[in-house]
Amino acid sequence: MKEKSDIFERFRNSFSNMQGHFHILEQRVPVELQMEYFKYSEQLRKEKEEITDRDYTIYIENLSDRETTTERKKYVLSSLAASHDVRAYRVLEQYVQDPDPDVTDWAYMALMESRISLESELSEEKQIYISTGLGGRGEKLRFYVLMLASEDKPFEEYQRQIIEREFAYYLPKDDCEIEEVRIHDQYVELIFLVPVRINLKAILDNVIAECNQYGNFLSNTFTVTNVKELAQDEIDEILGKKYGNHPAGD
């Protein structure tokens, strides 16, 4: 249990010690694709040349042509992002309003890179980029939490009502924003936005404790991630470890 506490503490301290303006990628972009984008972008910056008016014309035509290949669109988007130019930012801003499905996530990454580079040049404040698989909003990160019933039996109806009521009351008090609470037979899935400098473990411990005042029906251990929502087979595996053999789903 101490190891889990240490992980949460290191996570919180990593942000508490940072000074500057946070930029959090709002969209849910797979971590693997983010790494691919950063690697591609780094290489492109080494070869970067100034974008000419003719380049802009060609790039805009490429992005508006549905027949343009995926690789070409990636190149155009990353080139615009690396240009540190307001005009390029406006092109990217417009494109993400209706991006092609094959480069939607790439376009989001390019827009974020362009925004940060521009703000770095226009402001003396340090710009800090934070990206996770689940994204976020403002200076809040999105987290997925899996909480289990304390015993191998379904929640009672009154327990479901307590979960809904206590979550809705206590989490916003810590400036957390609930996006979704899914209550299943023996587990709860919570998706919410959390301020980056907050004590996440303390918040979750507290809301579980408040619920358990009415019967200790929630386990004190939970699974938290900001990479992705857990798939059903992953949830079933966790249920199996806690209760023994467990059927898929509810």
Protein backbone atom coordinates (compact mmCIF):
# COMPACT_ATOMS: atom_id res chain seq x y z
CA MET A 1 0.00 0.00 0.00
CA LYS A 2 2.92 2.30 0.76
CA GLU A 3 4.28 1.75 -2.76
CA LYS A 4 0.96 2.91 -4.25
CA SER A 5 0.99 5.99 -2.00
CA ASP A 6 4.54 6.80 -3.10
CA ILE A 7 3.54 6.63 -6.77
CA PHE A 8 0.69 9.10 -6.24
CA GLU A 9 2.97 11.35 -4.19
CA ARG A 10 5.66 11.41 -6.88
CA PHE A 11 3.00 12.16 -9.51
CA ARG A 12 1.67 15.14 -7.54
CA ASN A 13 5.13 16.47 -6.67
CA SER A 14 6.21 16.34 -10.31
CA PHE A 15 3.60 18.98 -11.10
CA SER A 16 3.83 20.95 -7.84
CA ASN A 17 7.47 21.78 -8.57
CA MET A 18 6.83 22.95 -12.12
CA GLN A 19 6.65 26.66 -12.82
CA GLY A 20 5.05 27.83 -16.05
CA HIS A 21 1.99 27.59 -18.26
CA PHE A 22 0.55 24.11 -18.64
CA HIS A 23 -0.67 22.91 -22.03
CA ILE A 24 -2.71 19.72 -21.80
CA LEU A 25 -3.73 17.84 -24.91
CA GLU A 26 -7.51 17.69 -24.62
CA GLN A 27 -8.21 14.92 -27.11
CA ARG A 28 -7.73 11.23 -26.40
CA VAL A 29 -4.73 10.32 -28.53
CA PRO A 30 -3.08 6.88 -28.08
CA VAL A 31 0.29 7.20 -26.40
CA GLU A 32 1.94 5.15 -29.15
CA LEU A 33 0.77 7.62 -31.80
CA GLN A 34 1.95 10.55 -29.68
CA MET A 35 5.43 9.04 -29.53
CA GLU A 36 5.38 8.48 -33.29
CA TYR A 37 4.38 12.10 -33.82
CA PHE A 38 7.14 13.48 -31.57
CA LYS A 39 9.79 11.37 -33.28
CA TYR A 40 8.55 12.43 -36.73
CA SER A 41 8.33 16.08 -35.71
CA GLU A 42 11.83 16.10 -34.23
CA GLN A 43 13.31 14.75 -37.46
CA LEU A 44 11.33 17.23 -39.54
CA ARG A 45 12.56 20.20 -37.51
CA LYS A 46 16.16 19.23 -38.30
CA GLU A 47 15.33 19.53 -42.00
CA LYS A 48 12.92 22.46 -41.68
CA GLU A 49 12.99 25.26 -44.22
CA GLU A 50 10.90 28.42 -44.18
CA ILE A 51 7.43 27.93 -45.66
CA THR A 52 6.84 30.11 -48.72
CA ASP A 53 3.55 31.49 -50.02
CA ARG A 54 3.61 28.81 -52.69
CA ASP A 55 4.08 26.15 -49.98
CA TYR A 56 1.02 27.44 -48.15
CA THR A 57 -1.06 27.24 -51.31
CA ILE A 58 0.07 23.66 -51.97
CA TYR A 59 -0.37 22.60 -48.32
CA ILE A 60 -3.91 23.97 -48.14
CA GLU A 61 -4.77 22.21 -51.40
CA ASN A 62 -3.30 18.97 -50.06
CA LEU A 63 -5.37 19.15 -46.88
CA SER A 64 -8.58 19.93 -48.74
CA ASP A 65 -8.09 17.12 -51.25
CA ARG A 66 -9.56 13.87 -49.92
CA GLU A 67 -7.31 11.94 -52.31
CA THR A 68 -4.11 13.14 -50.64
CA THR A 69 -2.24 10.23 -49.07
CA THR A 70 -2.03 9.83 -45.31
CA GLU A 71 1.75 10.21 -45.35
CA ARG A 72 1.54 13.44 -47.30
CA LYS A 73 -1.03 14.87 -44.92
CA LYS A 74 1.16 13.95 -41.95
CA TYR A 75 4.07 15.76 -43.58
CA VAL A 76 1.98 18.86 -44.28
CA LEU A 77 0.52 19.01 -40.77
CA SER A 78 3.89 18.55 -39.08
CA SER A 79 5.55 21.07 -41.39
CA LEU A 80 2.93 23.66 -40.51
CA ALA A 81 3.38 22.93 -36.80
CA ALA A 82 7.16 23.30 -37.03
CA SER A 83 7.00 26.66 -38.82
CA HIS A 84 6.32 28.77 -35.69
CA ASP A 85 4.07 30.93 -37.86
CA VAL A 86 0.69 32.41 -36.96
CA ARG A 87 -0.60 31.77 -40.47
CA ALA A 88 0.29 28.08 -40.14
CA TYR A 89 -1.48 27.93 -36.78
CA ARG A 90 -4.65 29.34 -38.37
CA VAL A 91 -4.51 26.71 -41.13
CA LEU A 92 -4.19 23.95 -38.51
CA GLU A 93 -6.92 25.48 -36.37
CA GLN A 94 -9.27 25.46 -39.33
CA TYR A 95 -8.33 21.93 -40.39
CA VAL A 96 -9.05 20.32 -37.01
CA GLN A 97 -12.65 21.52 -37.29
CA ASP A 98 -13.20 18.82 -39.93
CA PRO A 99 -10.08 16.65 -40.24
CA ASP A 100 -9.76 13.53 -42.35
CA PRO A 101 -10.30 10.46 -40.14
CA ASP A 102 -6.90 8.94 -40.94
CA VAL A 103 -5.00 11.95 -39.54
CA THR A 104 -7.41 13.33 -36.94
CA ASP A 105 -5.11 12.59 -33.98
CA TRP A 106 -2.07 13.77 -35.93
CA ALA A 107 -3.82 17.08 -36.61
CA TYR A 108 -4.58 17.56 -32.90
CA MET A 109 -0.93 16.97 -32.06
CA ALA A 110 0.20 19.40 -34.75
CA LEU A 111 -2.14 22.12 -33.51
CA MET A 112 -0.87 21.70 -29.94
CA GLU A 113 2.76 21.88 -31.07
CA SER A 114 2.05 25.01 -33.09
CA ARG A 115 0.24 26.67 -30.17
CA ILE A 116 3.06 25.97 -27.74
CA SER A 117 5.78 27.20 -30.10
CA LEU A 118 3.92 30.45 -30.73
CA GLU A 119 3.27 31.10 -27.06
CA SER A 120 6.91 30.35 -26.28
CA GLU A 121 7.99 33.09 -28.67
CA LEU A 122 5.35 35.61 -27.58
CA SER A 123 5.59 35.05 -23.83
CA GLU A 124 8.46 34.96 -21.38
CA GLU A 125 6.61 32.34 -19.32
CA LYS A 126 7.85 28.77 -19.57
CA GLN A 127 5.53 26.55 -21.61
CA ILE A 128 4.97 23.02 -20.27
CA TYR A 129 3.37 20.38 -22.48
CA ILE A 130 1.52 17.48 -20.82
CA SER A 131 0.02 14.66 -22.82
CA THR A 132 -1.66 11.45 -21.71
CA GLY A 133 -3.70 8.86 -23.54
CA LEU A 134 -6.94 10.16 -22.02
CA GLY A 135 -6.19 13.85 -22.51
CA GLY A 136 -7.64 16.60 -20.35
CA ARG A 137 -8.91 20.16 -20.36
CA GLY A 138 -7.41 23.44 -19.19
CA GLU A 139 -5.04 22.50 -16.35
CA LYS A 140 -6.88 19.28 -15.55
CA LEU A 141 -6.00 15.73 -16.58
CA ARG A 142 -8.57 13.07 -17.37
CA PHE A 143 -8.38 9.87 -15.32
CA TYR A 144 -10.13 6.52 -15.47
CA VAL A 145 -10.76 4.81 -12.12
CA LEU A 146 -11.99 1.27 -11.49
CA MET A 147 -13.43 0.62 -8.02
CA LEU A 148 -14.63 -2.79 -6.90
CA ALA A 149 -17.28 -3.98 -4.49
CA SER A 150 -15.71 -5.07 -1.20
CA GLU A 151 -17.48 -8.44 -1.39
CA ASP A 152 -18.31 -10.88 -4.18
CA LYS A 153 -21.92 -9.80 -4.56
CA PRO A 154 -23.83 -7.18 -6.57
CA PHE A 155 -24.43 -3.68 -5.27
CA GLU A 156 -27.81 -3.09 -3.64
CA GLU A 157 -29.98 -0.35 -5.14
CA TYR A 158 -29.41 1.93 -2.14
CA GLN A 159 -25.65 1.46 -2.54
CA ARG A 160 -25.85 2.55 -6.16
CA GLN A 161 -27.71 5.68 -5.06
CA ILE A 162 -25.08 6.39 -2.41
CA ILE A 163 -22.27 6.11 -4.97
CA GLU A 164 -24.02 8.52 -7.34
CA ARG A 165 -24.83 10.97 -4.53
CA GLU A 166 -21.45 10.96 -2.75
CA PHE A 167 -19.40 11.15 -5.93
CA ALA A 168 -21.50 14.05 -7.20
CA TYR A 169 -21.11 15.89 -3.89
CA TYR A 170 -17.49 15.32 -2.85
CA LEU A 171 -15.51 15.28 -6.09
CA PRO A 172 -16.56 18.77 -7.27
CA LYS A 173 -15.53 20.14 -3.84
CA ASP A 174 -11.94 19.41 -4.88
CA ASP A 175 -12.48 21.07 -8.27
CA CYS A 176 -12.82 17.71 -10.03
CA GLU A 177 -15.24 17.40 -12.94
CA ILE A 178 -17.13 14.14 -13.31
CA GLU A 179 -17.66 13.16 -16.94
CA GLU A 180 -19.11 9.70 -16.40
CA VAL A 181 -19.92 7.26 -13.61
CA ARG A 182 -20.81 3.73 -14.72
CA ILE A 183 -22.11 1.50 -11.94
CA HIS A 184 -22.06 -2.23 -12.75
CA ASP A 185 -22.98 -5.23 -10.63
CA GLN A 186 -19.70 -5.39 -8.69
CA TYR A 187 -17.63 -2.48 -9.89
CA VAL A 188 -17.74 1.23 -10.67
CA GLU A 189 -16.01 3.03 -13.55
CA LEU A 190 -15.32 6.71 -13.01
CA ILE A 191 -14.02 9.11 -15.65
CA PHE A 192 -13.22 12.56 -14.34
CA LEU A 193 -11.01 15.62 -14.79
CA VAL A 194 -8.54 16.35 -11.99
CA PRO A 195 -6.38 19.47 -11.36
CA VAL A 196 -2.75 18.51 -12.07
CA ARG A 197 -1.44 19.60 -8.66
CA ILE A 198 -4.08 17.88 -6.55
CA ASN A 199 -3.65 14.84 -4.27
CA LEU A 200 -5.50 12.29 -6.38
CA LYS A 201 -5.17 9.39 -3.93
CA ALA A 202 -6.51 11.46 -1.03
CA ILE A 203 -9.54 12.47 -3.09
CA LEU A 204 -10.38 8.88 -4.02
CA ASP A 205 -9.72 7.58 -0.50
CA ASN A 206 -12.04 10.25 0.85
CA VAL A 207 -14.98 9.59 -1.48
CA ILE A 208 -14.72 5.83 -0.90
CA ALA A 209 -14.65 6.42 2.87
CA GLU A 210 -17.76 8.61 2.64
CA CYS A 211 -19.60 5.89 0.72
CA ASN A 212 -18.47 3.22 3.17
CA GLN A 213 -20.02 5.03 6.11
CA TYR A 214 -23.19 3.32 4.87
CA GLY A 215 -21.90 -0.25 4.99
CA ASN A 216 -18.31 -0.77 3.77
CA PHE A 217 -19.46 -1.97 0.35
CA LEU A 218 -16.60 -0.42 -1.70
CA SER A 219 -13.08 -1.85 -1.67
CA ASN A 220 -10.35 0.50 -0.42
CA THR A 221 -8.09 -0.51 -3.31
CA PHE A 222 -8.69 0.84 -6.81
CA THR A 223 -7.12 1.04 -10.26
CA VAL A 224 -6.26 4.45 -11.73
CA THR A 225 -4.89 5.28 -15.18
CA ASN A 226 -4.62 8.26 -17.50
CA VAL A 227 -3.49 6.14 -20.46
CA LYS A 228 -6.78 4.56 -21.54
CA GLU A 229 -10.06 3.16 -20.30
CA LEU A 230 -9.77 -0.49 -19.31
CA ALA A 231 -11.23 -3.01 -21.75
CA GLN A 232 -13.75 -5.57 -20.51
CA ASP A 233 -11.20 -8.40 -20.53
CA GLU A 234 -8.86 -6.30 -18.40
CA ILE A 235 -11.65 -5.57 -15.94
CA ASP A 236 -12.58 -9.27 -15.82
CA GLU A 237 -8.97 -10.15 -15.02
CA ILE A 238 -8.96 -7.70 -12.08
CA LEU A 239 -12.30 -9.06 -10.87
CA GLY A 240 -10.97 -12.59 -11.16
CA LYS A 241 -7.96 -11.76 -9.00
CA LYS A 242 -10.17 -10.28 -6.30
CA TYR A 243 -13.10 -12.72 -6.28
CA GLY A 244 -11.73 -15.82 -8.02
CA ASN A 245 -13.33 -17.08 -11.25
CA HIS A 246 -15.62 -14.40 -12.62
CA PRO A 247 -17.84 -14.33 -15.72
CA ALA A 248 -17.20 -11.77 -18.44
CA GLY A 249 -19.09 -8.50 -18.19
CA ASP A 250 -21.88 -8.14 -15.65
